[in-house]
PDB file of all heavy atoms in Angstrom:
ATOM      1  N   VAL A   1     -10.127   7.126  10.812  1.00  0.00           N
ATOM      2  CA  VAL A   1      -8.827   6.702  10.166  1.00  0.00           C
ATOM      3  C   VAL A   1      -7.766   6.490  11.189  1.00  0.00           C
ATOM      4  O   VAL A   1      -7.508   7.365  12.065  1.00  0.00           O
ATOM      5  CB  VAL A   1      -8.433   7.843   9.127  1.00  0.00           C
ATOM      6  CG1 VAL A   1      -7.025   7.516   8.642  1.00  0.00           C
ATOM      7  CG2 VAL A   1      -9.397   7.959   8.016  1.00  0.00           C
ATOM      8  N   ALA A   2      -7.076   5.350  11.155  1.00  0.00           N
ATOM      9  CA  ALA A   2      -6.009   4.979  12.036  1.00  0.00           C
ATOM     10  C   ALA A   2      -4.691   4.973  11.348  1.00  0.00           C
ATOM     11  O   ALA A   2      -4.704   4.825  10.097  1.00  0.00           O
ATOM     12  CB  ALA A   2      -6.327   3.691  12.708  1.00  0.00           C
ATOM     13  N   LEU A   3      -3.588   5.183  12.050  1.00  0.00           N
ATOM     14  CA  LEU A   3      -2.278   5.124  11.426  1.00  0.00           C
ATOM     15  C   LEU A   3      -2.093   3.733  10.796  1.00  0.00           C
ATOM     16  O   LEU A   3      -2.130   2.733  11.462  1.00  0.00           O
ATOM     17  CB  LEU A   3      -1.205   5.359  12.523  1.00  0.00           C
ATOM     18  CG  LEU A   3       0.223   5.476  11.932  1.00  0.00           C
ATOM     19  CD1 LEU A   3       0.349   6.713  11.104  1.00  0.00           C
ATOM     20  CD2 LEU A   3       1.198   5.564  13.132  1.00  0.00           C
ATOM     21  N   PRO A   4      -1.953   3.648   9.506  1.00  0.00           N
ATOM     22  CA  PRO A   4      -1.953   2.316   8.797  1.00  0.00           C
ATOM     23  C   PRO A   4      -0.537   1.653   8.853  1.00  0.00           C
ATOM     24  O   PRO A   4       0.485   2.281   8.874  1.00  0.00           O
ATOM     25  CB  PRO A   4      -2.261   2.714   7.367  1.00  0.00           C
ATOM     26  CG  PRO A   4      -1.655   4.076   7.177  1.00  0.00           C
ATOM     27  CD  PRO A   4      -1.804   4.795   8.535  1.00  0.00           C
ATOM     28  N   THR A   5      -0.704   0.329   8.822  1.00  0.00           N
ATOM     29  CA  THR A   5       0.492  -0.461   8.702  1.00  0.00           C
ATOM     30  C   THR A   5       0.739  -0.730   7.178  1.00  0.00           C
ATOM     31  O   THR A   5      -0.116  -0.326   6.312  1.00  0.00           O
ATOM     32  CB  THR A   5       0.331  -1.874   9.312  1.00  0.00           C
ATOM     33  OG1 THR A   5      -0.751  -2.522   8.690  1.00  0.00           O
ATOM     34  CG2 THR A   5      -0.010  -1.735  10.856  1.00  0.00           C
ATOM     35  N   VAL A   6       1.806  -1.318   6.807  1.00  0.00           N
ATOM     36  CA  VAL A   6       2.093  -1.598   5.362  1.00  0.00           C
ATOM     37  C   VAL A   6       1.057  -2.488   4.813  1.00  0.00           C
ATOM     38  O   VAL A   6       0.543  -2.288   3.625  1.00  0.00           O
ATOM     39  CB  VAL A   6       3.552  -2.315   5.254  1.00  0.00           C
ATOM     40  CG1 VAL A   6       3.756  -2.688   3.800  1.00  0.00           C
ATOM     41  CG2 VAL A   6       4.618  -1.428   5.738  1.00  0.00           C
ATOM     42  N   ASP A   7       0.583  -3.500   5.527  1.00  0.00           N
ATOM     43  CA  ASP A   7      -0.475  -4.423   5.111  1.00  0.00           C
ATOM     44  C   ASP A   7      -1.775  -3.631   4.789  1.00  0.00           C
ATOM     45  O   ASP A   7      -2.475  -3.850   3.804  1.00  0.00           O
ATOM     46  CB  ASP A   7      -0.652  -5.483   6.136  1.00  0.00           C
ATOM     47  CG  ASP A   7      -1.758  -6.448   5.678  1.00  0.00           C
ATOM     48  OD1 ASP A   7      -1.659  -7.033   4.565  1.00  0.00           O
ATOM     49  OD2 ASP A   7      -2.769  -6.639   6.495  1.00  0.00           O
ATOM     50  N   VAL A   8      -2.047  -2.723   5.742  1.00  0.00           N
ATOM     51  CA  VAL A   8      -3.304  -1.887   5.541  1.00  0.00           C
ATOM     52  C   VAL A   8      -3.195  -1.022   4.338  1.00  0.00           C
ATOM     53  O   VAL A   8      -4.190  -0.839   3.534  1.00  0.00           O
ATOM     54  CB  VAL A   8      -3.599  -1.126   6.757  1.00  0.00           C
ATOM     55  CG1 VAL A   8      -4.727  -0.079   6.571  1.00  0.00           C
ATOM     56  CG2 VAL A   8      -4.045  -2.026   7.934  1.00  0.00           C
ATOM     57  N   VAL A   9      -2.001  -0.384   4.139  1.00  0.00           N
ATOM     58  CA  VAL A   9      -1.772   0.467   3.010  1.00  0.00           C
ATOM     59  C   VAL A   9      -1.950  -0.280   1.701  1.00  0.00           C
ATOM     60  O   VAL A   9      -2.572   0.198   0.771  1.00  0.00           O
ATOM     61  CB  VAL A   9      -0.309   1.076   3.121  1.00  0.00           C
ATOM     62  CG1 VAL A   9      -0.087   1.803   1.763  1.00  0.00           C
ATOM     63  CG2 VAL A   9      -0.270   2.094   4.248  1.00  0.00           C
ATOM     64  N   LEU A  10      -1.473  -1.503   1.601  1.00  0.00           N
ATOM     65  CA  LEU A  10      -1.648  -2.272   0.387  1.00  0.00           C
ATOM     66  C   LEU A  10      -3.065  -2.548   0.023  1.00  0.00           C
ATOM     67  O   LEU A  10      -3.485  -2.420  -1.071  1.00  0.00           O
ATOM     68  CB  LEU A  10      -0.816  -3.572   0.571  1.00  0.00           C
ATOM     69  CG  LEU A  10      -0.777  -4.553  -0.719  1.00  0.00           C
ATOM     70  CD1 LEU A  10      -0.070  -3.741  -1.914  1.00  0.00           C
ATOM     71  CD2 LEU A  10       0.050  -5.769  -0.404  1.00  0.00           C
ATOM     72  N   LYS A  11      -3.787  -2.966   1.066  1.00  0.00           N
ATOM     73  CA  LYS A  11      -5.246  -3.231   0.837  1.00  0.00           C
ATOM     74  C   LYS A  11      -5.988  -1.965   0.533  1.00  0.00           C
ATOM     75  O   LYS A  11      -6.872  -1.970  -0.390  1.00  0.00           O
ATOM     76  CB  LYS A  11      -5.838  -3.842   2.172  1.00  0.00           C
ATOM     77  CG  LYS A  11      -5.409  -5.173   2.500  1.00  0.00           C
ATOM     78  CD  LYS A  11      -6.103  -5.703   3.756  1.00  0.00           C
ATOM     79  CE  LYS A  11      -5.697  -7.153   4.182  1.00  0.00           C
ATOM     80  NZ  LYS A  11      -4.297  -7.198   4.519  1.00  0.00           N
ATOM     81  N   THR A  12      -5.633  -0.918   1.115  1.00  0.00           N
ATOM     82  CA  THR A  12      -6.260   0.404   0.794  1.00  0.00           C
ATOM     83  C   THR A  12      -5.986   0.835  -0.684  1.00  0.00           C
ATOM     84  O   THR A  12      -6.907   1.356  -1.319  1.00  0.00           O
ATOM     85  CB  THR A  12      -5.684   1.519   1.745  1.00  0.00           C
ATOM     86  OG1 THR A  12      -5.942   1.205   3.105  1.00  0.00           O
ATOM     87  CG2 THR A  12      -6.273   2.880   1.409  1.00  0.00           C
ATOM     88  N   LEU A  13      -4.783   0.652  -1.122  1.00  0.00           N
ATOM     89  CA  LEU A  13      -4.427   0.986  -2.484  1.00  0.00           C
ATOM     90  C   LEU A  13      -5.316   0.229  -3.497  1.00  0.00           C
ATOM     91  O   LEU A  13      -5.756   0.717  -4.509  1.00  0.00           O
ATOM     92  CB  LEU A  13      -2.929   0.752  -2.783  1.00  0.00           C
ATOM     93  CG  LEU A  13      -1.986   1.768  -2.208  1.00  0.00           C
ATOM     94  CD1 LEU A  13      -0.538   1.359  -2.443  1.00  0.00           C
ATOM     95  CD2 LEU A  13      -2.284   3.207  -2.676  1.00  0.00           C
ATOM     96  N   VAL A  14      -5.475  -1.081  -3.187  1.00  0.00           N
ATOM     97  CA  VAL A  14      -6.321  -1.912  -4.085  1.00  0.00           C
ATOM     98  C   VAL A  14      -7.724  -1.362  -4.158  1.00  0.00           C
ATOM     99  O   VAL A  14      -8.347  -1.226  -5.211  1.00  0.00           O
ATOM    100  CB  VAL A  14      -6.277  -3.346  -3.552  1.00  0.00           C
ATOM    101  CG1 VAL A  14      -7.377  -4.228  -4.312  1.00  0.00           C
ATOM    102  CG2 VAL A  14      -4.918  -3.999  -3.758  1.00  0.00           C
ATOM    103  N   LEU A  15      -8.307  -1.041  -2.885  1.00  0.00           N
ATOM    104  CA  LEU A  15      -9.634  -0.524  -2.826  1.00  0.00           C
ATOM    105  C   LEU A  15      -9.781   0.840  -3.553  1.00  0.00           C
ATOM    106  O   LEU A  15     -10.798   1.088  -4.257  1.00  0.00           O
ATOM    107  CB  LEU A  15     -10.084  -0.357  -1.417  1.00  0.00           C
ATOM    108  CG  LEU A  15     -10.361  -1.694  -0.697  1.00  0.00           C
ATOM    109  CD1 LEU A  15     -10.694  -1.433   0.821  1.00  0.00           C
ATOM    110  CD2 LEU A  15     -11.583  -2.345  -1.269  1.00  0.00           C
ATOM    111  N   VAL A  16      -8.787   1.681  -3.410  1.00  0.00           N
ATOM    112  CA  VAL A  16      -8.840   3.050  -4.030  1.00  0.00           C
ATOM    113  C   VAL A  16      -8.831   2.867  -5.508  1.00  0.00           C
ATOM    114  O   VAL A  16      -9.594   3.571  -6.267  1.00  0.00           O
ATOM    115  CB  VAL A  16      -7.589   3.923  -3.580  1.00  0.00           C
ATOM    116  CG1 VAL A  16      -7.549   5.158  -4.412  1.00  0.00           C
ATOM    117  CG2 VAL A  16      -7.854   4.245  -2.149  1.00  0.00           C
ATOM    118  N   VAL A  17      -7.973   1.989  -6.096  1.00  0.00           N
ATOM    119  CA  VAL A  17      -7.915   1.800  -7.530  1.00  0.00           C
ATOM    120  C   VAL A  17      -9.217   1.215  -8.049  1.00  0.00           C
ATOM    121  O   VAL A  17      -9.760   1.652  -9.025  1.00  0.00           O
ATOM    122  CB  VAL A  17      -6.702   0.825  -7.939  1.00  0.00           C
ATOM    123  CG1 VAL A  17      -6.825   0.406  -9.333  1.00  0.00           C
ATOM    124  CG2 VAL A  17      -5.464   1.506  -7.618  1.00  0.00           C
ATOM    125  N   LEU A  18      -9.756   0.204  -7.391  1.00  0.00           N
ATOM    126  CA  LEU A  18     -11.047  -0.410  -7.793  1.00  0.00           C
ATOM    127  C   LEU A  18     -12.162   0.568  -7.732  1.00  0.00           C
ATOM    128  O   LEU A  18     -12.962   0.676  -8.659  1.00  0.00           O
ATOM    129  CB  LEU A  18     -11.376  -1.681  -6.950  1.00  0.00           C
ATOM    130  CG  LEU A  18     -10.388  -2.851  -7.224  1.00  0.00           C
ATOM    131  CD1 LEU A  18     -10.766  -3.967  -6.184  1.00  0.00           C
ATOM    132  CD2 LEU A  18     -10.597  -3.372  -8.588  1.00  0.00           C
ATOM    133  N   ALA A  19     -12.340   1.259  -6.585  1.00  0.00           N
ATOM    134  CA  ALA A  19     -13.426   2.189  -6.452  1.00  0.00           C
ATOM    135  C   ALA A  19     -13.281   3.484  -7.148  1.00  0.00           C
ATOM    136  O   ALA A  19     -14.303   3.996  -7.716  1.00  0.00           O
ATOM    137  CB  ALA A  19     -13.626   2.469  -4.953  1.00  0.00           C
ATOM    138  N   GLY A  20     -12.101   4.026  -7.300  1.00  0.00           N
ATOM    139  CA  GLY A  20     -11.823   5.320  -7.908  1.00  0.00           C
ATOM    140  C   GLY A  20     -11.552   5.248  -9.355  1.00  0.00           C
ATOM    141  O   GLY A  20     -11.711   6.355 -10.029  1.00  0.00           O
ATOM    142  N   ILE A  21     -11.131   4.164  -9.891  1.00  0.00           N
ATOM    143  CA  ILE A  21     -10.673   4.085 -11.300  1.00  0.00           C
ATOM    144  C   ILE A  21     -11.433   2.991 -12.101  1.00  0.00           C
ATOM    145  O   ILE A  21     -12.106   3.288 -13.099  1.00  0.00           O
ATOM    146  CB  ILE A  21      -9.159   3.881 -11.431  1.00  0.00           C
ATOM    147  CG1 ILE A  21      -8.410   5.075 -10.749  1.00  0.00           C
ATOM    148  CG2 ILE A  21      -8.801   3.771 -12.915  1.00  0.00           C
ATOM    149  CD1 ILE A  21      -6.890   4.879 -10.737  1.00  0.00           C
ATOM    150  N   VAL A  22     -11.370   1.798 -11.576  1.00  0.00           N
ATOM    151  CA  VAL A  22     -11.982   0.643 -12.291  1.00  0.00           C
ATOM    152  C   VAL A  22     -13.486   0.876 -12.329  1.00  0.00           C
ATOM    153  O   VAL A  22     -14.083   0.629 -13.378  1.00  0.00           O
ATOM    154  CB  VAL A  22     -11.602  -0.702 -11.585  1.00  0.00           C
ATOM    155  CG1 VAL A  22     -12.316  -1.825 -12.319  1.00  0.00           C
ATOM    156  CG2 VAL A  22     -10.057  -0.828 -11.728  1.00  0.00           C
ATOM    157  N   LYS A  23     -14.188   1.094 -11.204  1.00  0.00           N
ATOM    158  CA  LYS A  23     -15.584   1.171 -11.103  1.00  0.00           C
ATOM    159  C   LYS A  23     -16.071   2.273 -12.077  1.00  0.00           C
ATOM    160  O   LYS A  23     -17.118   2.023 -12.823  1.00  0.00           O
ATOM    161  CB  LYS A  23     -16.107   1.501  -9.690  1.00  0.00           C
ATOM    162  CG  LYS A  23     -17.527   1.606  -9.534  1.00  0.00           C
ATOM    163  CD  LYS A  23     -17.978   1.444  -8.088  1.00  0.00           C
ATOM    164  CE  LYS A  23     -17.368   2.424  -7.185  1.00  0.00           C
ATOM    165  NZ  LYS A  23     -17.807   2.296  -5.723  1.00  0.00           N
ATOM    166  N   PRO A  24     -15.546   3.507 -12.077  1.00  0.00           N
ATOM    167  CA  PRO A  24     -16.055   4.490 -13.079  1.00  0.00           C
ATOM    168  C   PRO A  24     -15.882   4.074 -14.549  1.00  0.00           C
ATOM    169  O   PRO A  24     -16.716   4.291 -15.370  1.00  0.00           O
ATOM    170  CB  PRO A  24     -15.160   5.720 -12.791  1.00  0.00           C
ATOM    171  CG  PRO A  24     -14.743   5.620 -11.384  1.00  0.00           C
ATOM    172  CD  PRO A  24     -14.626   4.076 -11.204  1.00  0.00           C
ATOM    173  N   ALA A  25     -14.712   3.362 -14.825  1.00  0.00           N
ATOM    174  CA  ALA A  25     -14.475   2.876 -16.125  1.00  0.00           C
ATOM    175  C   ALA A  25     -15.498   1.857 -16.536  1.00  0.00           C
ATOM    176  O   ALA A  25     -16.012   1.960 -17.704  1.00  0.00           O
ATOM    177  CB  ALA A  25     -13.070   2.257 -16.228  1.00  0.00           C
ATOM    178  N   ILE A  26     -15.877   1.004 -15.680  1.00  0.00           N
ATOM    179  CA  ILE A  26     -16.931   0.030 -15.981  1.00  0.00           C
ATOM    180  C   ILE A  26     -18.205   0.610 -16.200  1.00  0.00           C
ATOM    181  O   ILE A  26     -19.008   0.403 -17.093  1.00  0.00           O
ATOM    182  CB  ILE A  26     -16.971  -1.030 -14.841  1.00  0.00           C
ATOM    183  CG1 ILE A  26     -15.734  -1.877 -14.704  1.00  0.00           C
ATOM    184  CG2 ILE A  26     -18.200  -1.907 -14.986  1.00  0.00           C
ATOM    185  CD1 ILE A  26     -15.637  -2.724 -13.565  1.00  0.00           C
ATOM    186  N   THR A  27     -18.537   1.678 -15.369  1.00  0.00           N
ATOM    187  CA  THR A  27     -19.791   2.371 -15.483  1.00  0.00           C
ATOM    188  C   THR A  27     -19.847   3.110 -16.912  1.00  0.00           C
ATOM    189  O   THR A  27     -20.947   3.124 -17.465  1.00  0.00           O
ATOM    190  CB  THR A  27     -19.912   3.452 -14.366  1.00  0.00           C
ATOM    191  OG1 THR A  27     -19.862   2.810 -13.037  1.00  0.00           O
ATOM    192  CG2 THR A  27     -21.274   4.211 -14.388  1.00  0.00           C
ATOM    193  N   ILE A  28     -18.800   3.748 -17.237  1.00  0.00           N
ATOM    194  CA  ILE A  28     -18.804   4.440 -18.600  1.00  0.00           C
ATOM    195  C   ILE A  28     -19.115   3.435 -19.706  1.00  0.00           C
ATOM    196  O   ILE A  28     -19.916   3.747 -20.573  1.00  0.00           O
ATOM    197  CB  ILE A  28     -17.435   5.125 -18.790  1.00  0.00           C
ATOM    198  CG1 ILE A  28     -17.305   6.291 -17.782  1.00  0.00           C
ATOM    199  CG2 ILE A  28     -17.365   5.690 -20.188  1.00  0.00           C
ATOM    200  CD1 ILE A  28     -15.942   6.935 -17.808  1.00  0.00           C
ATOM    201  N   VAL A  29     -18.347   2.344 -19.649  1.00  0.00           N
ATOM    202  CA  VAL A  29     -18.541   1.384 -20.725  1.00  0.00           C
ATOM    203  C   VAL A  29     -19.991   0.829 -20.763  1.00  0.00           C
ATOM    204  O   VAL A  29     -20.661   0.747 -21.782  1.00  0.00           O
ATOM    205  CB  VAL A  29     -17.604   0.093 -20.580  1.00  0.00           C
ATOM    206  CG1 VAL A  29     -17.913  -1.040 -21.459  1.00  0.00           C
ATOM    207  CG2 VAL A  29     -16.185   0.599 -20.759  1.00  0.00           C
ATOM    208  N   LEU A  30     -20.560   0.492 -19.584  1.00  0.00           N
ATOM    209  CA  LEU A  30     -21.901   0.023 -19.570  1.00  0.00           C
ATOM    210  C   LEU A  30     -22.982   1.045 -19.971  1.00  0.00           C
ATOM    211  O   LEU A  30     -23.937   0.734 -20.681  1.00  0.00           O
ATOM    212  CB  LEU A  30     -22.229  -0.538 -18.136  1.00  0.00           C
ATOM    213  CG  LEU A  30     -21.547  -1.737 -17.737  1.00  0.00           C
ATOM    214  CD1 LEU A  30     -21.739  -2.030 -16.274  1.00  0.00           C
ATOM    215  CD2 LEU A  30     -21.866  -2.967 -18.587  1.00  0.00           C
ATOM    216  N   LEU A  31     -22.789   2.294 -19.610  1.00  0.00           N
ATOM    217  CA  LEU A  31     -23.698   3.343 -20.031  1.00  0.00           C
ATOM    218  C   LEU A  31     -23.655   3.643 -21.555  1.00  0.00           C
ATOM    219  O   LEU A  31     -24.657   3.835 -22.128  1.00  0.00           O
ATOM    220  CB  LEU A  31     -23.425   4.686 -19.218  1.00  0.00           C
ATOM    221  CG  LEU A  31     -23.927   4.694 -17.741  1.00  0.00           C
ATOM    222  CD1 LEU A  31     -23.379   5.904 -17.035  1.00  0.00           C
ATOM    223  CD2 LEU A  31     -25.472   4.650 -17.677  1.00  0.00           C
ATOM    224  N   MET A  32     -22.475   3.635 -22.028  1.00  0.00           N
ATOM    225  CA  MET A  32     -22.331   3.784 -23.480  1.00  0.00           C
ATOM    226  C   MET A  32     -22.898   2.627 -24.239  1.00  0.00           C
ATOM    227  O   MET A  32     -23.524   2.794 -25.307  1.00  0.00           O
ATOM    228  CB  MET A  32     -20.875   4.043 -23.877  1.00  0.00           C
ATOM    229  CG  MET A  32     -20.271   5.411 -23.373  1.00  0.00           C
ATOM    230  SD  MET A  32     -18.610   5.702 -23.718  1.00  0.00           S
ATOM    231  CE  MET A  32     -18.674   5.988 -25.411  1.00  0.00           C
ATOM    232  N   TYR A  33     -22.802   1.442 -23.680  1.00  0.00           N
ATOM    233  CA  TYR A  33     -23.441   0.264 -24.259  1.00  0.00           C
ATOM    234  C   TYR A  33     -24.961   0.443 -24.350  1.00  0.00           C
ATOM    235  O   TYR A  33     -25.681  -0.027 -25.203  1.00  0.00           O
ATOM    236  CB  TYR A  33     -23.014  -0.953 -23.421  1.00  0.00           C
ATOM    237  CG  TYR A  33     -23.831  -2.231 -23.795  1.00  0.00           C
ATOM    238  CD1 TYR A  33     -23.596  -2.933 -25.005  1.00  0.00           C
ATOM    239  CD2 TYR A  33     -24.815  -2.725 -22.967  1.00  0.00           C
ATOM    240  CE1 TYR A  33     -24.344  -4.091 -25.282  1.00  0.00           C
ATOM    241  CE2 TYR A  33     -25.623  -3.760 -23.241  1.00  0.00           C
ATOM    242  CZ  TYR A  33     -25.270  -4.490 -24.388  1.00  0.00           C
ATOM    243  OH  TYR A  33     -26.031  -5.573 -24.681  1.00  0.00           O
ATOM    244  N   LYS A  34     -25.523   1.032 -23.251  1.00  0.00           N
ATOM    245  CA  LYS A  34     -26.939   1.265 -23.112  1.00  0.00           C
ATOM    246  C   LYS A  34     -27.444   2.402 -24.013  1.00  0.00           C
ATOM    247  O   LYS A  34     -28.641   2.713 -24.118  1.00  0.00           O
ATOM    248  CB  LYS A  34     -27.320   1.541 -21.697  1.00  0.00           C
ATOM    249  CG  LYS A  34     -27.271   0.299 -20.765  1.00  0.00           C
ATOM    250  CD  LYS A  34     -28.345  -0.642 -21.060  1.00  0.00           C
ATOM    251  CE  LYS A  34     -29.699  -0.169 -20.648  1.00  0.00           C
ATOM    252  NZ  LYS A  34     -30.813  -1.099 -20.901  1.00  0.00           N
ATOM    253  N   GLY A  35     -26.553   3.108 -24.670  1.00  0.00           N
ATOM    254  CA  GLY A  35     -26.849   4.120 -25.528  1.00  0.00           C
ATOM    255  C   GLY A  35     -26.657   5.649 -25.122  1.00  0.00           C
ATOM    256  O   GLY A  35     -26.902   6.544 -25.844  1.00  0.00           O
ATOM    257  N   TYR A  36     -26.154   5.724 -23.875  1.00  0.00           N
ATOM    258  CA  TYR A  36     -25.927   7.167 -23.441  1.00  0.00           C
ATOM    259  C   TYR A  36     -24.595   7.667 -24.089  1.00  0.00           C
ATOM    260  O   TYR A  36     -23.619   6.933 -24.275  1.00  0.00           O
ATOM    261  CB  TYR A  36     -25.737   7.199 -21.913  1.00  0.00           C
ATOM    262  CG  TYR A  36     -27.091   6.985 -21.282  1.00  0.00           C
ATOM    263  CD1 TYR A  36     -27.538   5.707 -20.901  1.00  0.00           C
ATOM    264  CD2 TYR A  36     -27.967   8.006 -21.023  1.00  0.00           C
ATOM    265  CE1 TYR A  36     -28.725   5.361 -20.315  1.00  0.00           C
ATOM    266  CE2 TYR A  36     -29.132   7.736 -20.379  1.00  0.00           C
ATOM    267  CZ  TYR A  36     -29.549   6.489 -20.014  1.00  0.00           C
ATOM    268  OH  TYR A  36     -30.753   6.218 -19.460  1.00  0.00           O
ATOM    269  N   GLU A  37     -24.602   8.950 -24.455  1.00  0.00           N
ATOM    270  CA  GLU A  37     -23.459   9.515 -25.055  1.00  0.00           C
ATOM    271  C   GLU A  37     -22.289   9.687 -24.018  1.00  0.00           C
ATOM    272  O   GLU A  37     -22.523   9.634 -22.810  1.00  0.00           O
ATOM    273  CB  GLU A  37     -23.786  10.837 -25.804  1.00  0.00           C
ATOM    274  CG  GLU A  37     -24.594  11.820 -25.061  1.00  0.00           C
ATOM    275  CD  GLU A  37     -23.780  12.657 -24.058  1.00  0.00           C
ATOM    276  OE1 GLU A  37     -22.546  12.816 -24.324  1.00  0.00           O
ATOM    277  OE2 GLU A  37     -24.290  13.112 -23.000  1.00  0.00           O
TER     278      GLU A  37
END
């Protein structure tokens, strides 16, 4: 981890939201679609 610039922070936030929030949400929807409780 290096000291980030503003540009790096913005890209990081996008990745954190996608990997940490959006991806789990998509996984939950798809698993429930497949029949898992």
